[in-house]
Amino acid sequence: MKVRFTPSGDRQFFQVIAYILADRPSAARRFHAQATKVLTRLERFPASGRRIPEFPGLPFREVIVRPYRFFYRVEKDTVWVVGVWHGAQLRGAPERP
């Protein structure tokens, strides 16, 4: 199983890193390392994330790297990260890859 980002998921992840980096470079490095660790775990345990409480009927799951939520969907042998939102954000449903 591989973890990959959709274009929107990739863009959102890098926006988060850039936002943190502008204020605290060391915090950005720690966040990136923690996110990488959590996402890498999905390669072995893709169902370990929880269903998204706001959208229980959709085939997406989430893992949390505080204060951000990483939304993903498993398709065949790939975990697609489709979005990264701050925990205080509430948007529409995540997009399909």
PDB file of N, CA and C in Angstrom:
ATOM      1  N   MET A   1       0.849  -1.177   0.000  1.00  0.00           N
ATOM      2  CA  MET A   1       0.000   0.000   0.000  1.00  0.00           C
ATOM      3  C   MET A   1       0.893   1.239   0.000  1.00  0.00           C
ATOM      4  N   LYS A   2       0.517   2.229  -0.805  1.00  0.00           N
ATOM      5  CA  LYS A   2       1.263   3.489  -0.865  1.00  0.00           C
ATOM      6  C   LYS A   2       0.356   4.633  -0.456  1.00  0.00           C
ATOM      7  N   VAL A   3       0.948   5.658   0.137  1.00  0.00           N
ATOM      8  CA  VAL A   3       0.216   6.882   0.457  1.00  0.00           C
ATOM      9  C   VAL A   3       0.580   7.925  -0.595  1.00  0.00           C
ATOM     10  N   ARG A   4      -0.456   8.491  -1.211  1.00  0.00           N
ATOM     11  CA  ARG A   4      -0.255   9.524  -2.224  1.00  0.00           C
ATOM     12  C   ARG A   4      -1.215  10.668  -1.946  1.00  0.00           C
ATOM     13  N   PHE A   5      -0.907  11.822  -2.465  1.00  0.00           N
ATOM     14  CA  PHE A   5      -1.747  13.000  -2.309  1.00  0.00           C
ATOM     15  C   PHE A   5      -2.429  13.341  -3.621  1.00  0.00           C
ATOM     16  N   THR A   6      -3.704  13.708  -3.535  1.00  0.00           N
ATOM     17  CA  THR A   6      -4.366  14.292  -4.701  1.00  0.00           C
ATOM     18  C   THR A   6      -3.796  15.702  -4.851  1.00  0.00           C
ATOM     19  N   PRO A   7      -3.996  16.351  -6.001  1.00  0.00           N
ATOM     20  CA  PRO A   7      -3.492  17.729  -6.142  1.00  0.00           C
ATOM     21  C   PRO A   7      -4.013  18.675  -5.052  1.00  0.00           C
ATOM     22  N   SER A   8      -5.286  18.571  -4.707  1.00  0.00           N
ATOM     23  CA  SER A   8      -5.817  19.470  -3.672  1.00  0.00           C
ATOM     24  C   SER A   8      -5.259  19.109  -2.296  1.00  0.00           C
ATOM     25  N   GLY A   9      -5.112  17.837  -1.996  1.00  0.00           N
ATOM     26  CA  GLY A   9      -4.529  17.423  -0.724  1.00  0.00           C
ATOM     27  C   GLY A   9      -3.083  17.861  -0.600  1.00  0.00           C
ATOM     28  N   ASP A  10      -2.343  17.741  -1.680  1.00  0.00           N
ATOM     29  CA  ASP A  10      -0.942  18.159  -1.713  1.00  0.00           C
ATOM     30  C   ASP A  10      -0.827  19.667  -1.484  1.00  0.00           C
ATOM     31  N   ARG A  11      -1.654  20.423  -2.187  1.00  0.00           N
ATOM     32  CA  ARG A  11      -1.639  21.882  -2.056  1.00  0.00           C
ATOM     33  C   ARG A  11      -1.964  22.305  -0.623  1.00  0.00           C
ATOM     34  N   GLN A  12      -2.993  21.690  -0.037  1.00  0.00           N
ATOM     35  CA  GLN A  12      -3.388  22.052   1.320  1.00  0.00           C
ATOM     36  C   GLN A  12      -2.301  21.709   2.334  1.00  0.00           C
ATOM     37  N   PHE A  13      -1.653  20.566   2.159  1.00  0.00           N
ATOM     38  CA  PHE A  13      -0.572  20.175   3.070  1.00  0.00           C
ATOM     39  C   PHE A  13       0.577  21.180   3.007  1.00  0.00           C
ATOM     40  N   PHE A  14       0.977  21.559   1.810  1.00  0.00           N
ATOM     41  CA  PHE A  14       2.076  22.511   1.690  1.00  0.00           C
ATOM     42  C   PHE A  14       1.684  23.905   2.171  1.00  0.00           C
ATOM     43  N   GLN A  15       0.418  24.276   2.057  1.00  0.00           N
ATOM     44  CA  GLN A  15      -0.037  25.552   2.608  1.00  0.00           C
ATOM     45  C   GLN A  15       0.069  25.555   4.129  1.00  0.00           C
ATOM     46  N   VAL A  16      -0.264  24.443   4.742  1.00  0.00           N
ATOM     47  CA  VAL A  16      -0.149  24.316   6.199  1.00  0.00           C
ATOM     48  C   VAL A  16       1.312  24.445   6.615  1.00  0.00           C
ATOM     49  N   ILE A  17       2.183  23.730   5.933  1.00  0.00           N
ATOM     50  CA  ILE A  17       3.615  23.792   6.260  1.00  0.00           C
ATOM     51  C   ILE A  17       4.129  25.217   6.097  1.00  0.00           C
ATOM     52  N   ALA A  18       3.760  25.881   5.000  1.00  0.00           N
ATOM     53  CA  ALA A  18       4.210  27.254   4.755  1.00  0.00           C
ATOM     54  C   ALA A  18       3.692  28.204   5.830  1.00  0.00           C
ATOM     55  N   TYR A  19       2.457  28.011   6.246  1.00  0.00           N
ATOM     56  CA  TYR A  19       1.862  28.861   7.275  1.00  0.00           C
ATOM     57  C   TYR A  19       2.626  28.730   8.592  1.00  0.00           C
ATOM     58  N   ILE A  20       2.906  27.501   8.996  1.00  0.00           N
ATOM     59  CA  ILE A  20       3.634  27.275  10.243  1.00  0.00           C
ATOM     60  C   ILE A  20       5.079  27.766  10.108  1.00  0.00           C
ATOM     61  N   LEU A  21       5.682  27.507   8.960  1.00  0.00           N
ATOM     62  CA  LEU A  21       7.072  27.877   8.709  1.00  0.00           C
ATOM     63  C   LEU A  21       7.297  29.382   8.815  1.00  0.00           C
ATOM     64  N   ALA A  22       6.329  30.168   8.376  1.00  0.00           N
ATOM     65  CA  ALA A  22       6.469  31.623   8.411  1.00  0.00           C
ATOM     66  C   ALA A  22       6.634  32.148   9.832  1.00  0.00           C
ATOM     67  N   ASP A  23       6.078  31.441  10.788  1.00  0.00           N
ATOM     68  CA  ASP A  23       6.124  31.910  12.169  1.00  0.00           C
ATOM     69  C   ASP A  23       7.145  31.159  13.013  1.00  0.00           C
ATOM     70  N   ARG A  24       7.194  29.832  12.828  1.00  0.00           N
ATOM     71  CA  ARG A  24       8.077  29.004  13.663  1.00  0.00           C
ATOM     72  C   ARG A  24       8.655  27.851  12.850  1.00  0.00           C
ATOM     73  N   PRO A  25       9.818  28.049  12.241  1.00  0.00           N
ATOM     74  CA  PRO A  25      10.420  26.993  11.420  1.00  0.00           C
ATOM     75  C   PRO A  25      10.594  25.662  12.159  1.00  0.00           C
ATOM     76  N   SER A  26      10.973  25.691  13.413  1.00  0.00           N
ATOM     77  CA  SER A  26      11.171  24.436  14.150  1.00  0.00           C
ATOM     78  C   SER A  26       9.836  23.707  14.333  1.00  0.00           C
ATOM     79  N   ALA A  27       8.766  24.450  14.551  1.00  0.00           N
ATOM     80  CA  ALA A  27       7.438  23.837  14.680  1.00  0.00           C
ATOM     81  C   ALA A  27       7.000  23.229  13.356  1.00  0.00           C
ATOM     82  N   ALA A  28       7.341  23.875  12.251  1.00  0.00           N
ATOM     83  CA  ALA A  28       6.996  23.339  10.925  1.00  0.00           C
ATOM     84  C   ALA A  28       7.716  22.021  10.685  1.00  0.00           C
ATOM     85  N   ARG A  29       8.978  21.944  11.071  1.00  0.00           N
ATOM     86  CA  ARG A  29       9.731  20.690  10.911  1.00  0.00           C
ATOM     87  C   ARG A  29       9.129  19.579  11.773  1.00  0.00           C
ATOM     88  N   ARG A  30       8.770  19.906  13.006  1.00  0.00           N
ATOM     89  CA  ARG A  30       8.158  18.895  13.888  1.00  0.00           C
ATOM     90  C   ARG A  30       6.813  18.425  13.340  1.00  0.00           C
ATOM     91  N   PHE A  31       6.003  19.372  12.862  1.00  0.00           N
ATOM     92  CA  PHE A  31       4.707  19.005  12.308  1.00  0.00           C
ATOM     93  C   PHE A  31       4.877  18.109  11.086  1.00  0.00           C
ATOM     94  N   HIS A  32       5.794  18.463  10.204  1.00  0.00           N
ATOM     95  CA  HIS A  32       6.033  17.663   9.000  1.00  0.00           C
ATOM     96  C   HIS A  32       6.476  16.249   9.382  1.00  0.00           C
ATOM     97  N   ALA A  33       7.375  16.142  10.344  1.00  0.00           N
ATOM     98  CA  ALA A  33       7.854  14.825  10.781  1.00  0.00           C
ATOM     99  C   ALA A  33       6.723  14.002  11.383  1.00  0.00           C
ATOM    100  N   GLN A  34       5.898  14.622  12.213  1.00  0.00           N
ATOM    101  CA  GLN A  34       4.780  13.904  12.834  1.00  0.00           C
ATOM    102  C   GLN A  34       3.764  13.479  11.780  1.00  0.00           C
ATOM    103  N   ALA A  35       3.444  14.369  10.846  1.00  0.00           N
ATOM    104  CA  ALA A  35       2.489  14.034   9.777  1.00  0.00           C
ATOM    105  C   ALA A  35       3.020  12.881   8.937  1.00  0.00           C
ATOM    106  N   THR A  36       4.297  12.915   8.608  1.00  0.00           N
ATOM    107  CA  THR A  36       4.908  11.844   7.821  1.00  0.00           C
ATOM    108  C   THR A  36       4.807  10.516   8.562  1.00  0.00           C
ATOM    109  N   LYS A  37       5.064  10.537   9.848  1.00  0.00           N
ATOM    110  CA  LYS A  37       4.983   9.312  10.659  1.00  0.00           C
ATOM    111  C   LYS A  37       3.557   8.752  10.652  1.00  0.00           C
ATOM    112  N   VAL A  38       2.579   9.607  10.873  1.00  0.00           N
ATOM    113  CA  VAL A  38       1.180   9.163  10.917  1.00  0.00           C
ATOM    114  C   VAL A  38       0.732   8.649   9.552  1.00  0.00           C
ATOM    115  N   LEU A  39       1.071   9.365   8.489  1.00  0.00           N
ATOM    116  CA  LEU A  39       0.653   8.951   7.149  1.00  0.00           C
ATOM    117  C   LEU A  39       1.358   7.668   6.713  1.00  0.00           C
ATOM    118  N   THR A  40       2.614   7.501   7.085  1.00  0.00           N
ATOM    119  CA  THR A  40       3.341   6.269   6.753  1.00  0.00           C
ATOM    120  C   THR A  40       2.695   5.056   7.418  1.00  0.00           C
ATOM    121  N   ARG A  41       2.169   5.244   8.609  1.00  0.00           N
ATOM    122  CA  ARG A  41       1.485   4.146   9.307  1.00  0.00           C
ATOM    123  C   ARG A  41       0.282   3.644   8.505  1.00  0.00           C
ATOM    124  N   LEU A  42      -0.343   4.544   7.719  1.00  0.00           N
ATOM    125  CA  LEU A  42      -1.487   4.139   6.907  1.00  0.00           C
ATOM    126  C   LEU A  42      -1.105   3.132   5.829  1.00  0.00           C
ATOM    127  N   GLU A  43       0.165   3.070   5.457  1.00  0.00           N
ATOM    128  CA  GLU A  43       0.603   2.082   4.472  1.00  0.00           C
ATOM    129  C   GLU A  43       0.365   0.668   4.990  1.00  0.00           C
ATOM    130  N   ARG A  44       0.536   0.479   6.285  1.00  0.00           N
ATOM    131  CA  ARG A  44       0.327  -0.850   6.885  1.00  0.00           C
ATOM    132  C   ARG A  44      -1.075  -1.026   7.452  1.00  0.00           C
ATOM    133  N   PHE A  45      -1.670   0.075   7.909  1.00  0.00           N
ATOM    134  CA  PHE A  45      -2.982   0.015   8.559  1.00  0.00           C
ATOM    135  C   PHE A  45      -3.928   1.050   7.961  1.00  0.00           C
ATOM    136  N   PRO A  46      -4.342   0.864   6.723  1.00  0.00           N
ATOM    137  CA  PRO A  46      -5.149   1.893   6.050  1.00  0.00           C
ATOM    138  C   PRO A  46      -6.521   2.136   6.674  1.00  0.00           C
ATOM    139  N   ALA A  47      -7.049   1.195   7.402  1.00  0.00           N
ATOM    140  CA  ALA A  47      -8.366   1.388   8.026  1.00  0.00           C
ATOM    141  C   ALA A  47      -8.253   1.933   9.449  1.00  0.00           C
ATOM    142  N   SER A  48      -7.060   2.344   9.863  1.00  0.00           N
ATOM    143  CA  SER A  48      -6.871   2.784  11.241  1.00  0.00           C
ATOM    144  C   SER A  48      -7.457   4.160  11.530  1.00  0.00           C
ATOM    145  N   GLY A  49      -7.667   4.970  10.501  1.00  0.00           N
ATOM    146  CA  GLY A  49      -8.297   6.266  10.725  1.00  0.00           C
ATOM    147  C   GLY A  49      -9.782   6.103  10.971  1.00  0.00           C
ATOM    148  N   ARG A  50     -10.376   7.115  11.575  1.00  0.00           N
ATOM    149  CA  ARG A  50     -11.807   7.026  11.855  1.00  0.00           C
ATOM    150  C   ARG A  50     -12.617   7.609  10.696  1.00  0.00           C
ATOM    151  N   ARG A  51     -13.873   7.192  10.616  1.00  0.00           N
ATOM    152  CA  ARG A  51     -14.797   7.798   9.660  1.00  0.00           C
ATOM    153  C   ARG A  51     -14.972   9.259  10.051  1.00  0.00           C
ATOM    154  N   ILE A  52     -15.199  10.105   9.079  1.00  0.00           N
ATOM    155  CA  ILE A  52     -15.349  11.531   9.344  1.00  0.00           C
ATOM    156  C   ILE A  52     -16.722  11.764   9.991  1.00  0.00           C
ATOM    157  N   PRO A  53     -16.749  12.259  11.224  1.00  0.00           N
ATOM    158  CA  PRO A  53     -18.028  12.398  11.927  1.00  0.00           C
ATOM    159  C   PRO A  53     -19.049  13.270  11.189  1.00  0.00           C
ATOM    160  N   GLU A  54     -18.587  14.323  10.521  1.00  0.00           N
ATOM    161  CA  GLU A  54     -19.499  15.219   9.818  1.00  0.00           C
ATOM    162  C   GLU A  54     -20.100  14.596   8.561  1.00  0.00           C
ATOM    163  N   PHE A  55     -19.438  13.573   8.022  1.00  0.00           N
ATOM    164  CA  PHE A  55     -19.857  12.943   6.770  1.00  0.00           C
ATOM    165  C   PHE A  55     -19.800  11.418   6.895  1.00  0.00           C
ATOM    166  N   PRO A  56     -20.584  10.822   7.797  1.00  0.00           N
ATOM    167  CA  PRO A  56     -20.462   9.384   8.068  1.00  0.00           C
ATOM    168  C   PRO A  56     -20.832   8.495   6.886  1.00  0.00           C
ATOM    169  N   GLY A  57     -21.599   8.993   5.947  1.00  0.00           N
ATOM    170  CA  GLY A  57     -22.005   8.167   4.817  1.00  0.00           C
ATOM    171  C   GLY A  57     -21.011   8.136   3.674  1.00  0.00           C
ATOM    172  N   LEU A  58     -19.955   8.935   3.760  1.00  0.00           N
ATOM    173  CA  LEU A  58     -18.968   8.980   2.684  1.00  0.00           C
ATOM    174  C   LEU A  58     -17.833   7.990   2.951  1.00  0.00           C
ATOM    175  N   PRO A  59     -17.155   7.547   1.896  1.00  0.00           N
ATOM    176  CA  PRO A  59     -16.104   6.526   2.052  1.00  0.00           C
ATOM    177  C   PRO A  59     -14.742   7.101   2.448  1.00  0.00           C
ATOM    178  N   PHE A  60     -14.731   8.165   3.228  1.00  0.00           N
ATOM    179  CA  PHE A  60     -13.484   8.795   3.635  1.00  0.00           C
ATOM    180  C   PHE A  60     -13.211   8.522   5.109  1.00  0.00           C
ATOM    181  N   ARG A  61     -11.936   8.599   5.459  1.00  0.00           N
ATOM    182  CA  ARG A  61     -11.505   8.464   6.844  1.00  0.00           C
ATOM    183  C   ARG A  61     -10.584   9.638   7.146  1.00  0.00           C
ATOM    184  N   GLU A  62     -10.235   9.771   8.413  1.00  0.00           N
ATOM    185  CA  GLU A  62      -9.319  10.844   8.793  1.00  0.00           C
ATOM    186  C   GLU A  62      -8.349  10.363   9.850  1.00  0.00           C
ATOM    187  N   VAL A  63      -7.179  10.980   9.831  1.00  0.00           N
ATOM    188  CA  VAL A  63      -6.213  10.851  10.914  1.00  0.00           C
ATOM    189  C   VAL A  63      -5.898  12.276  11.361  1.00  0.00           C
ATOM    190  N   ILE A  64      -5.582  12.421  12.612  1.00  0.00           N
ATOM    191  CA  ILE A  64      -5.362  13.750  13.164  1.00  0.00           C
ATOM    192  C   ILE A  64      -3.908  13.914  13.576  1.00  0.00           C
ATOM    193  N   VAL A  65      -3.334  15.012  13.118  1.00  0.00           N
ATOM    194  CA  VAL A  65      -2.026  15.474  13.573  1.00  0.00           C
ATOM    195  C   VAL A  65      -2.320  16.879  14.084  1.00  0.00           C
ATOM    196  N   ARG A  66      -2.549  16.986  15.361  1.00  0.00           N
ATOM    197  CA  ARG A  66      -3.069  18.215  15.961  1.00  0.00           C
ATOM    198  C   ARG A  66      -2.311  19.455  15.524  1.00  0.00           C
ATOM    199  N   PRO A  67      -3.054  20.487  15.175  1.00  0.00           N
ATOM    200  CA  PRO A  67      -4.503  20.641  15.173  1.00  0.00           C
ATOM    201  C   PRO A  67      -5.127  20.379  13.796  1.00  0.00           C
ATOM    202  N   TYR A  68      -4.436  19.634  12.939  1.00  0.00           N
ATOM    203  CA  TYR A  68      -4.928  19.409  11.572  1.00  0.00           C
ATOM    204  C   TYR A  68      -5.503  18.009  11.387  1.00  0.00           C
ATOM    205  N   ARG A  69      -6.441  17.928  10.472  1.00  0.00           N
ATOM    206  CA  ARG A  69      -7.109  16.672  10.128  1.00  0.00           C
ATOM    207  C   ARG A  69      -6.717  16.316   8.689  1.00  0.00           C
ATOM    208  N   PHE A  70      -6.241  15.096   8.500  1.00  0.00           N
ATOM    209  CA  PHE A  70      -5.883  14.604   7.169  1.00  0.00           C
ATOM    210  C   PHE A  70      -6.982  13.639   6.721  1.00  0.00           C
ATOM    211  N   PHE A  71      -7.646  13.974   5.619  1.00  0.00           N
ATOM    212  CA  PHE A  71      -8.736  13.166   5.101  1.00  0.00           C
ATOM    213  C   PHE A  71      -8.210  12.286   3.973  1.00  0.00           C
ATOM    214  N   TYR A  72      -8.625  11.026   3.971  1.00  0.00           N
ATOM    215  CA  TYR A  72      -8.122  10.107   2.947  1.00  0.00           C
ATOM    216  C   TYR A  72      -9.169   9.088   2.556  1.00  0.00           C
ATOM    217  N   ARG A  73      -8.885   8.442   1.438  1.00  0.00           N
ATOM    218  CA  ARG A  73      -9.725   7.365   0.927  1.00  0.00           C
ATOM    219  C   ARG A  73      -8.803   6.264   0.419  1.00  0.00           C
ATOM    220  N   VAL A  74      -9.184   5.033   0.658  1.00  0.00           N
ATOM    221  CA  VAL A  74      -8.394   3.895   0.189  1.00  0.00           C
ATOM    222  C   VAL A  74      -9.006   3.400  -1.117  1.00  0.00           C
ATOM    223  N   GLU A  75      -8.168   3.301  -2.142  1.00  0.00           N
ATOM    224  CA  GLU A  75      -8.583   2.745  -3.426  1.00  0.00           C
ATOM    225  C   GLU A  75      -7.533   1.745  -3.880  1.00  0.00           C
ATOM    226  N   LYS A  76      -7.946   0.501  -3.944  1.00  0.00           N
ATOM    227  CA  LYS A  76      -7.060  -0.615  -4.312  1.00  0.00           C
ATOM    228  C   LYS A  76      -5.832  -0.621  -3.417  1.00  0.00           C
ATOM    229  N   ASP A  77      -4.652  -0.353  -3.967  1.00  0.00           N
ATOM    230  CA  ASP A  77      -3.428  -0.414  -3.165  1.00  0.00           C
ATOM    231  C   ASP A  77      -2.877   0.972  -2.835  1.00  0.00           C
ATOM    232  N   THR A  78      -3.749   1.993  -2.850  1.00  0.00           N
ATOM    233  CA  THR A  78      -3.310   3.363  -2.598  1.00  0.00           C
ATOM    234  C   THR A  78      -4.196   4.044  -1.563  1.00  0.00           C
ATOM    235  N   VAL A  79      -3.552   4.744  -0.649  1.00  0.00           N
ATOM    236  CA  VAL A  79      -4.246   5.625   0.288  1.00  0.00           C
ATOM    237  C   VAL A  79      -4.112   7.025  -0.294  1.00  0.00           C
ATOM    238  N   TRP A  80      -5.232   7.624  -0.689  1.00  0.00           N
ATOM    239  CA  TRP A  80      -5.237   8.956  -1.292  1.00  0.00           C
ATOM    240  C   TRP A  80      -5.585   9.991  -0.234  1.00  0.00           C
ATOM    241  N   VAL A  81      -4.631  10.868   0.091  1.00  0.00           N
ATOM    242  CA  VAL A  81      -4.910  11.989   0.992  1.00  0.00           C
ATOM    243  C   VAL A  81      -5.578  13.055   0.140  1.00  0.00           C
ATOM    244  N   VAL A  82      -6.830  13.358   0.471  1.00  0.00           N
ATOM    245  CA  VAL A  82      -7.622  14.264  -0.365  1.00  0.00           C
ATOM    246  C   VAL A  82      -7.751  15.664   0.222  1.00  0.00           C
ATOM    247  N   GLY A  83      -7.420  15.830   1.507  1.00  0.00           N
ATOM    248  CA  GLY A  83      -7.535  17.150   2.101  1.00  0.00           C
ATOM    249  C   GLY A  83      -6.869  17.239   3.455  1.00  0.00           C
ATOM    250  N   VAL A  84      -6.483  18.456   3.805  1.00  0.00           N
ATOM    251  CA  VAL A  84      -5.884  18.737   5.105  1.00  0.00           C
ATOM    252  C   VAL A  84      -6.550  20.011   5.614  1.00  0.00           C
ATOM    253  N   TRP A  85      -7.268  19.897   6.715  1.00  0.00           N
ATOM    254  CA  TRP A  85      -7.993  21.039   7.270  1.00  0.00           C
ATOM    255  C   TRP A  85      -7.588  21.257   8.714  1.00  0.00           C
ATOM    256  N   HIS A  86      -7.635  22.489   9.123  1.00  0.00           N
ATOM    257  CA  HIS A  86      -7.449  22.807  10.540  1.00  0.00           C
ATOM    258  C   HIS A  86      -8.656  22.254  11.290  1.00  0.00           C
ATOM    259  N   GLY A  87      -8.473  21.807  12.499  1.00  0.00           N
ATOM    260  CA  GLY A  87      -9.549  21.210  13.277  1.00  0.00           C
ATOM    261  C   GLY A  87     -10.742  22.129  13.493  1.00  0.00           C
ATOM    262  N   ALA A  88     -10.537  23.447  13.424  1.00  0.00           N
ATOM    263  CA  ALA A  88     -11.634  24.394  13.632  1.00  0.00           C
ATOM    264  C   ALA A  88     -12.427  24.640  12.345  1.00  0.00           C
ATOM    265  N   GLN A  89     -11.938  24.155  11.216  1.00  0.00           N
ATOM    266  CA  GLN A  89     -12.623  24.365   9.942  1.00  0.00           C
ATOM    267  C   GLN A  89     -13.714  23.336   9.734  1.00  0.00           C
ATOM    268  N   LEU A  90     -14.769  23.763   9.095  1.00  0.00           N
ATOM    269  CA  LEU A  90     -15.808  22.835   8.663  1.00  0.00           C
ATOM    270  C   LEU A  90     -16.179  23.255   7.256  1.00  0.00           C
ATOM    271  N   ARG A  91     -15.900  22.412   6.310  1.00  0.00           N
ATOM    272  CA  ARG A  91     -16.165  22.687   4.913  1.00  0.00           C
ATOM    273  C   ARG A  91     -17.140  21.668   4.392  1.00  0.00           C
ATOM    274  N   GLY A  92     -17.289  21.692   3.062  1.00  0.00           N
ATOM    275  CA  GLY A  92     -18.100  20.660   2.417  1.00  0.00           C
ATOM    276  C   GLY A  92     -17.359  19.344   2.448  1.00  0.00           C
ATOM    277  N   ALA A  93     -17.989  18.327   1.938  1.00  0.00           N
ATOM    278  CA  ALA A  93     -17.402  16.993   1.928  1.00  0.00           C
ATOM    279  C   ALA A  93     -16.085  16.978   1.138  1.00  0.00           C
ATOM    280  N   PRO A  94     -15.139  16.125   1.523  1.00  0.00           N
ATOM    281  CA  PRO A  94     -13.890  15.985   0.762  1.00  0.00           C
ATOM    282  C   PRO A  94     -14.178  15.522  -0.662  1.00  0.00           C
ATOM    283  N   GLU A  95     -13.273  15.891  -1.569  1.00  0.00           N
ATOM    284  CA  GLU A  95     -13.421  15.518  -2.972  1.00  0.00           C
ATOM    285  C   GLU A  95     -12.871  14.126  -3.212  1.00  0.00           C
ATOM    286  N   ARG A  96     -13.435  13.463  -4.192  1.00  0.00           N
ATOM    287  CA  ARG A  96     -12.918  12.154  -4.592  1.00  0.00           C
ATOM    288  C   ARG A  96     -11.680  12.361  -5.444  1.00  0.00           C
ATOM    289  N   PRO A  97     -10.686  11.456  -5.343  1.00  0.00           N
ATOM    290  CA  PRO A  97      -9.486  11.586  -6.188  1.00  0.00           C
ATOM    291  C   PRO A  97      -9.802  11.328  -7.649  1.00  0.00           C
TER     292      PRO A  97
END
